Protein backbone atom coordinates (compact mmCIF):
# COMPACT_ATOMS: atom_id res chain seq x y z
CA MET A 1 -0.09 -0.04 0.05
CA GLU A 2 1.20 3.48 -0.91
CA LYS A 3 1.26 6.18 1.29
CA GLU A 4 -0.11 9.44 0.06
CA GLY A 5 2.19 12.23 -0.88
CA THR A 6 5.03 9.72 -1.52
CA ALA A 7 6.41 9.17 -5.17
CA THR A 8 6.75 5.60 -6.45
CA ALA A 9 9.61 4.38 -7.94
CA GLY A 10 8.47 5.19 -11.40
CA GLU A 11 7.52 8.68 -10.75
CA ALA A 12 10.24 11.51 -10.63
CA THR A 13 9.68 14.35 -8.07
CA ALA A 14 8.18 17.14 -9.89
CA ALA A 15 9.70 20.41 -9.99
CA PRO A 16 7.47 23.42 -8.69
CA PRO A 17 5.56 24.76 -11.67
CA PRO A 18 7.40 27.68 -13.43
CA PRO A 19 5.99 31.34 -12.47
CA PRO A 20 3.27 32.46 -14.83
CA PRO A 21 4.51 34.48 -17.60
CA ARG A 22 4.38 38.31 -16.97
CA LEU A 23 1.67 40.24 -19.11
CA GLU A 24 3.43 43.11 -21.13
CA SER A 25 1.76 45.65 -19.34
CA GLU A 26 3.20 44.48 -16.09
CA VAL A 27 6.62 44.94 -17.44
CA VAL A 28 5.93 48.35 -18.88
CA VAL A 29 4.65 49.21 -15.36
CA LEU A 30 7.62 47.83 -13.50
CA ARG A 31 9.88 49.79 -15.95
CA ARG A 32 7.92 52.99 -15.51
CA HIS A 33 8.20 52.41 -11.84
CA ARG A 34 12.09 51.87 -11.91
CA HIS A 35 12.52 54.80 -14.11
CA GLU A 36 10.49 57.13 -11.93
CA MET A 37 12.38 55.85 -8.69
CA ARG A 38 15.78 56.84 -10.79
CA LEU A 39 14.41 60.35 -11.47
CA LYS A 40 13.21 60.73 -7.93
CA ASN A 41 16.83 59.55 -6.53
CA ALA A 42 18.49 61.85 -9.00
CA THR A 43 16.54 64.80 -7.84
CA THR A 44 17.08 63.88 -4.24
CA VAL A 45 20.90 63.77 -4.86
CA LEU A 46 20.68 67.21 -6.94
CA ARG A 47 18.72 68.82 -4.17
CA ALA A 48 21.09 67.63 -1.41
CA VAL A 49 24.09 68.88 -3.32
CA SER A 50 22.48 72.29 -4.08
CA CYS A 51 21.73 72.48 -0.35
CA LEU A 52 25.25 71.47 0.80
CA PHE A 53 27.08 74.19 -1.78
CA SER A 54 24.77 77.01 -1.09
CA ALA A 55 25.02 76.53 2.69
CA LEU A 56 28.79 76.38 2.33
CA ALA A 57 28.96 79.34 -0.08
CA PHE A 58 26.91 81.22 2.35
CA ILE A 59 28.69 80.46 5.36
CA VAL A 60 31.92 81.48 3.74
CA MET A 61 30.86 84.46 2.49
CA VAL A 62 29.31 85.73 5.73
CA THR A 63 32.27 84.70 7.71
CA ASN A 64 34.66 86.43 5.53
CA LYS A 65 35.50 89.53 7.95
CA HIS A 66 38.83 90.66 8.20
CA GLY A 67 38.73 94.18 9.24
CA ASP A 68 39.08 97.39 7.37
CA TRP A 69 38.32 96.99 3.72
CA LYS A 70 38.20 93.24 3.94
CA GLU A 71 34.90 92.92 5.14
CA PHE A 72 31.97 91.19 2.83
CA ASN A 73 29.28 93.28 4.12
CA LYS A 74 30.80 96.55 2.87
CA TYR A 75 30.23 95.76 -0.83
CA GLU A 76 26.83 95.52 -2.32
CA GLU A 77 27.90 92.67 -4.65
CA PHE A 78 28.71 90.35 -1.85
CA ARG A 79 25.63 91.28 0.38
CA TYR A 80 23.56 90.33 -2.75
CA ALA A 81 25.37 87.17 -3.32
CA ALA A 82 25.16 86.10 0.30
CA ALA A 83 21.14 86.73 0.19
CA ILE A 84 21.07 84.48 -2.75
CA PHE A 85 23.10 81.99 -1.32
CA ALA A 86 21.01 81.87 1.68
CA LEU A 87 17.93 81.60 -0.50
CA GLY A 88 19.40 78.82 -2.33
CA PHE A 89 19.97 76.90 0.78
CA LEU A 90 16.47 77.43 1.97
CA TYR A 91 14.81 76.52 -1.04
CA ALA A 92 17.02 73.14 -1.54
CA ALA A 93 16.25 72.41 2.22
CA ALA A 94 12.67 72.97 1.93
CA LYS A 95 12.56 70.74 -0.90
CA LEU A 96 14.25 67.95 0.88
CA VAL A 97 12.12 68.21 4.03
CA LEU A 98 9.05 68.21 1.78
CA LEU A 99 10.46 64.81 0.00
CA SER A 100 11.28 63.17 3.00
CA SER A 101 7.89 63.95 5.02
CA ARG A 102 5.47 63.14 2.01
CA GLY A 103 7.64 60.54 0.17
CA ASP A 104 7.56 62.89 -2.97
CA TYR A 105 7.09 66.51 -3.83
CA SER A 106 3.33 66.17 -4.29
CA ILE A 107 0.94 68.69 -2.46
CA ALA A 108 -2.57 67.32 -2.06
CA ALA A 109 -4.23 70.33 -3.78
CA LEU A 110 -1.94 70.09 -7.00
CA SER A 111 -2.04 67.52 -9.60
CA PRO A 112 1.43 65.78 -10.60
CA ARG A 113 1.75 67.81 -13.64
CA ALA A 114 1.18 71.23 -11.67
CA VAL A 115 3.98 69.81 -9.10
CA ALA A 116 6.31 69.08 -12.09
CA MET A 117 5.47 72.72 -13.51
CA VAL A 118 6.18 74.45 -10.18
CA ASP A 119 9.50 72.36 -9.65
CA PHE A 120 10.75 73.34 -13.20
CA ALA A 121 9.77 76.89 -12.67
CA THR A 122 11.27 77.46 -9.18
CA ASP A 123 14.19 75.58 -10.19
CA GLN A 124 14.57 77.74 -13.30
CA VAL A 125 14.30 81.03 -11.18
CA LEU A 126 16.75 79.73 -8.53
CA ALA A 127 19.43 78.57 -11.15
CA TYR A 128 19.01 82.18 -12.64
CA LEU A 129 19.56 83.97 -9.24
CA LEU A 130 22.54 82.09 -8.26
CA ILE A 131 24.33 82.54 -11.47
CA SER A 132 23.25 86.16 -11.55
CA ALA A 133 25.06 86.25 -7.80
CA VAL A 134 27.96 84.64 -9.00
CA SER A 135 28.29 87.02 -12.04
CA ALA A 136 28.04 89.84 -9.80
CA ALA A 137 30.82 88.92 -7.36
CA ILE A 138 33.21 87.70 -9.97
CA PRO A 139 34.31 90.99 -11.34
CA LEU A 140 34.77 92.60 -8.02
CA THR A 141 36.51 89.84 -6.52
CA ASN A 142 38.93 89.78 -9.59
CA ARG A 143 39.67 93.54 -9.30
CA MET A 144 40.49 93.15 -5.63
CA ARG A 145 42.71 90.19 -6.52
CA GLU A 146 44.77 92.50 -8.87
CA GLY A 147 45.46 94.91 -5.95
CA ALA A 148 46.02 92.42 -3.18
CA ASP A 149 45.80 88.61 -3.20
CA ASN A 150 44.78 87.68 0.35
CA ILE A 151 42.76 85.41 2.55
CA PHE A 152 39.68 87.65 2.20
CA THR A 153 39.88 87.35 -1.79
CA ASP A 154 40.56 83.69 -1.40
CA ALA A 155 37.79 82.98 0.66
CA LEU A 156 35.53 85.12 -1.85
CA GLY A 157 36.79 83.06 -4.75
CA GLY A 158 36.08 79.83 -2.85
CA SER A 159 32.58 80.96 -1.96
CA ILE A 160 31.72 81.72 -5.54
CA GLY A 161 33.21 78.45 -6.64
CA MET A 162 30.89 76.57 -4.31
CA ALA A 163 28.06 78.88 -5.40
CA PHE A 164 28.66 77.86 -8.91
CA LEU A 165 28.71 74.00 -8.17
CA ALA A 166 25.18 74.78 -6.43
CA PHE A 167 24.11 76.39 -9.50
CA VAL A 168 25.24 73.37 -11.65
CA ALA A 169 23.17 71.15 -9.41
CA VAL A 170 20.01 73.30 -9.49
CA ALA A 171 20.36 73.56 -13.28
CA LEU A 172 20.66 69.81 -13.71
CA SER A 173 17.72 69.48 -11.26
CA ALA A 174 15.76 71.93 -13.56
CA MET A 175 16.51 69.71 -16.33
CA VAL A 176 15.15 66.62 -14.70
CA ALA A 177 12.11 68.59 -13.49
CA GLY A 178 11.80 69.52 -17.16
CA TYR A 179 11.87 66.09 -18.51
CA LYS A 180 9.48 65.27 -15.67
CA LEU A 181 7.18 67.78 -17.04
CA THR A 182 7.26 66.51 -20.48
CA ILE A 183 6.49 63.01 -19.35
CA GLN A 184 3.47 64.26 -17.35
CA THR A 185 2.02 65.79 -20.56
CA CYS A 186 2.75 62.49 -22.34
CA ILE A 187 0.62 60.25 -19.93
């Protein structure tokens, strides 16, 4: 008498059945999800980089006080640059907080397309402000370096360089936001 559940000598142990084939639509959905996750991760990294470099540029600029003519706040161009660097930091930090608290940038009252449009527009504005602050500070710094190359002008140059890196990160983030906007209009 054979016991139930045991194979006889002639029967081979059956392998588990293969998983059912995925439907084409499932594959498309998985690819789209992976693509959206890559875009979200890229945006997060770019926002973190712009936040870091804007903060560093601001800190280096406002702590650059060495007495007499070597104080950043005596020059309108450097005060403007410091204000824009602070704005860049606050913007990127706010976007990072929104991302970490909600899981994405979406706001309940806005559609995904509207969120993509707001991201694109605000990234464009911030990129413009950062590059204008950098371009306002460079000529004055270069004139000062012609007269005296010292720790004050070196710190200004470092701050401007970090702000330019923040600009690059924001500009790339704007490109990603623009790409997301085109995807939203296609869907």
